[in-house]
Amino acid sequence: MRIRTHSDTCIGAGRCFRTAPELFDQSEADATVVVLVDQVTGDRLEQAREAVDDCPTRTLYLTED
């Protein structure tokens, strides 16, 4: 699975970063999401799903490509 974003909708809440800091960071310029790991499997996939589910603006999503 791949982590994707609609970065224009990110409000910088930081939930993704707090849920999975090895997968996400925040931009120093505007606190929006930065995806650190594009392709996820196993335990990382579960963390990515938690972050996607917890995003208040639905900025994050997963794809199978």
N, C-alpha and C. Protein backbone atom coordinates (compact mmCIF):
# COMPACT_ATOMS: atom_id res chain seq x y z
N MET A 1 0.85 -1.18 0.00
CA MET A 1 0.00 0.00 0.00
C MET A 1 0.89 1.24 0.00
N ARG A 2 0.38 2.28 -0.59
CA ARG A 2 1.09 3.55 -0.63
C ARG A 2 0.30 4.61 0.14
N ILE A 3 1.03 5.45 0.84
CA ILE A 3 0.42 6.57 1.55
C ILE A 3 0.36 7.75 0.60
N ARG A 4 -0.79 8.35 0.50
CA ARG A 4 -0.99 9.53 -0.35
C ARG A 4 -1.59 10.65 0.49
N THR A 5 -1.46 11.87 -0.01
CA THR A 5 -2.03 13.01 0.69
C THR A 5 -2.71 13.97 -0.26
N HIS A 6 -3.66 14.68 0.28
CA HIS A 6 -4.24 15.86 -0.35
C HIS A 6 -3.67 17.01 0.47
N SER A 7 -2.43 17.38 0.21
CA SER A 7 -1.73 18.32 1.09
C SER A 7 -2.40 19.69 1.19
N ASP A 8 -3.21 20.05 0.21
CA ASP A 8 -3.87 21.35 0.28
C ASP A 8 -4.97 21.39 1.34
N THR A 9 -5.38 20.23 1.86
CA THR A 9 -6.42 20.21 2.90
C THR A 9 -5.86 20.02 4.31
N CYS A 10 -4.55 19.79 4.41
CA CYS A 10 -3.94 19.57 5.72
C CYS A 10 -3.97 20.84 6.56
N ILE A 11 -4.38 20.71 7.82
CA ILE A 11 -4.43 21.86 8.73
C ILE A 11 -3.31 21.82 9.77
N GLY A 12 -2.43 20.83 9.66
CA GLY A 12 -1.30 20.73 10.58
C GLY A 12 -1.65 20.30 11.98
N ALA A 13 -2.68 19.48 12.12
CA ALA A 13 -3.09 19.01 13.46
C ALA A 13 -2.03 18.13 14.10
N GLY A 14 -1.24 17.43 13.29
CA GLY A 14 -0.15 16.61 13.81
C GLY A 14 -0.53 15.24 14.32
N ARG A 15 -1.76 14.84 14.12
CA ARG A 15 -2.18 13.52 14.60
C ARG A 15 -1.43 12.40 13.91
N CYS A 16 -1.17 12.56 12.62
CA CYS A 16 -0.45 11.53 11.88
C CYS A 16 0.96 11.38 12.43
N PHE A 17 1.61 12.48 12.69
CA PHE A 17 2.97 12.48 13.23
C PHE A 17 3.01 11.83 14.61
N ARG A 18 2.04 12.13 15.44
CA ARG A 18 2.00 11.54 16.78
C ARG A 18 1.63 10.05 16.74
N THR A 19 0.82 9.65 15.77
CA THR A 19 0.43 8.26 15.62
C THR A 19 1.57 7.40 15.07
N ALA A 20 2.28 7.93 14.08
CA ALA A 20 3.32 7.15 13.41
C ALA A 20 4.50 8.05 13.01
N PRO A 21 5.33 8.44 13.97
CA PRO A 21 6.43 9.36 13.66
C PRO A 21 7.47 8.80 12.70
N GLU A 22 7.51 7.50 12.53
CA GLU A 22 8.44 6.93 11.56
C GLU A 22 7.89 7.01 10.13
N LEU A 23 6.60 7.32 9.99
CA LEU A 23 5.97 7.44 8.67
C LEU A 23 5.71 8.88 8.26
N PHE A 24 5.53 9.77 9.25
CA PHE A 24 5.13 11.14 8.95
C PHE A 24 5.97 12.16 9.73
N ASP A 25 6.07 13.33 9.16
CA ASP A 25 6.68 14.47 9.82
C ASP A 25 5.81 15.67 9.49
N GLN A 26 6.20 16.82 10.01
CA GLN A 26 5.49 18.05 9.70
C GLN A 26 6.46 19.06 9.12
N SER A 27 6.00 19.77 8.12
CA SER A 27 6.79 20.81 7.49
C SER A 27 7.11 21.91 8.50
N GLU A 28 8.34 22.35 8.53
CA GLU A 28 8.71 23.46 9.42
C GLU A 28 8.08 24.76 8.96
N ALA A 29 7.80 24.88 7.68
CA ALA A 29 7.25 26.12 7.14
C ALA A 29 5.80 26.36 7.55
N ASP A 30 4.97 25.31 7.46
CA ASP A 30 3.55 25.51 7.73
C ASP A 30 2.89 24.39 8.52
N ALA A 31 3.67 23.45 9.03
CA ALA A 31 3.21 22.33 9.87
C ALA A 31 2.35 21.31 9.14
N THR A 32 2.29 21.38 7.80
CA THR A 32 1.52 20.39 7.07
C THR A 32 2.28 19.07 7.00
N VAL A 33 1.56 18.01 6.68
CA VAL A 33 2.10 16.66 6.69
C VAL A 33 3.20 16.47 5.64
N VAL A 34 4.22 15.72 6.05
CA VAL A 34 5.27 15.26 5.15
C VAL A 34 5.32 13.75 5.29
N VAL A 35 5.12 13.03 4.19
CA VAL A 35 5.16 11.58 4.21
C VAL A 35 6.62 11.14 4.09
N LEU A 36 7.09 10.39 5.07
CA LEU A 36 8.48 9.95 5.10
C LEU A 36 8.67 8.60 4.40
N VAL A 37 7.65 7.76 4.44
CA VAL A 37 7.72 6.42 3.84
C VAL A 37 6.53 6.26 2.91
N ASP A 38 6.82 6.12 1.64
CA ASP A 38 5.76 6.05 0.64
C ASP A 38 5.05 4.70 0.64
N GLN A 39 5.79 3.61 0.65
CA GLN A 39 5.24 2.25 0.56
C GLN A 39 5.25 1.62 1.96
N VAL A 40 4.11 1.07 2.38
CA VAL A 40 4.02 0.47 3.72
C VAL A 40 3.46 -0.95 3.65
N THR A 41 3.99 -1.80 4.55
CA THR A 41 3.52 -3.18 4.68
C THR A 41 3.59 -3.55 6.16
N GLY A 42 3.00 -4.67 6.50
CA GLY A 42 3.09 -5.21 7.86
C GLY A 42 2.64 -4.24 8.94
N ASP A 43 3.46 -4.14 10.00
CA ASP A 43 3.14 -3.26 11.13
C ASP A 43 3.01 -1.81 10.70
N ARG A 44 3.82 -1.40 9.76
CA ARG A 44 3.74 -0.01 9.29
C ARG A 44 2.41 0.27 8.59
N LEU A 45 1.87 -0.72 7.93
CA LEU A 45 0.57 -0.56 7.28
C LEU A 45 -0.50 -0.31 8.32
N GLU A 46 -0.46 -1.03 9.41
CA GLU A 46 -1.45 -0.82 10.47
C GLU A 46 -1.32 0.59 11.06
N GLN A 47 -0.10 1.06 11.27
CA GLN A 47 0.12 2.41 11.77
C GLN A 47 -0.38 3.45 10.76
N ALA A 48 -0.14 3.20 9.48
CA ALA A 48 -0.62 4.12 8.44
C ALA A 48 -2.14 4.18 8.45
N ARG A 49 -2.79 3.04 8.59
CA ARG A 49 -4.26 3.02 8.64
C ARG A 49 -4.79 3.79 9.84
N GLU A 50 -4.13 3.65 10.98
CA GLU A 50 -4.54 4.41 12.16
C GLU A 50 -4.41 5.91 11.90
N ALA A 51 -3.32 6.33 11.29
CA ALA A 51 -3.12 7.74 10.99
C ALA A 51 -4.17 8.25 10.00
N VAL A 52 -4.46 7.47 8.98
CA VAL A 52 -5.48 7.84 8.00
C VAL A 52 -6.83 8.01 8.68
N ASP A 53 -7.18 7.05 9.52
CA ASP A 53 -8.47 7.10 10.22
C ASP A 53 -8.57 8.27 11.20
N ASP A 54 -7.44 8.69 11.75
CA ASP A 54 -7.43 9.76 12.76
C ASP A 54 -7.30 11.16 12.18
N CYS A 55 -7.03 11.27 10.88
CA CYS A 55 -6.84 12.59 10.27
C CYS A 55 -8.16 13.36 10.26
N PRO A 56 -8.19 14.54 10.88
CA PRO A 56 -9.45 15.29 10.99
C PRO A 56 -9.95 15.85 9.66
N THR A 57 -9.07 16.03 8.69
CA THR A 57 -9.50 16.60 7.41
C THR A 57 -9.47 15.59 6.27
N ARG A 58 -9.19 14.33 6.58
CA ARG A 58 -9.10 13.25 5.58
C ARG A 58 -8.08 13.59 4.50
N THR A 59 -7.00 14.22 4.92
CA THR A 59 -5.91 14.55 4.02
C THR A 59 -5.15 13.31 3.57
N LEU A 60 -5.05 12.33 4.44
CA LEU A 60 -4.29 11.11 4.14
C LEU A 60 -5.20 10.02 3.59
N TYR A 61 -4.65 9.23 2.67
CA TYR A 61 -5.38 8.07 2.18
C TYR A 61 -4.38 7.02 1.68
N LEU A 62 -4.82 5.80 1.54
CA LEU A 62 -3.98 4.70 1.08
C LEU A 62 -4.45 4.22 -0.29
N THR A 63 -3.48 3.84 -1.12
CA THR A 63 -3.80 3.26 -2.42
C THR A 63 -3.05 1.95 -2.58
N GLU A 64 -3.51 1.10 -3.45
CA GLU A 64 -2.88 -0.19 -3.66
C GLU A 64 -1.87 -0.19 -4.80
N ASP A 65 -1.59 0.92 -5.42
CA ASP A 65 -0.64 0.93 -6.55
C ASP A 65 0.79 1.02 -6.14
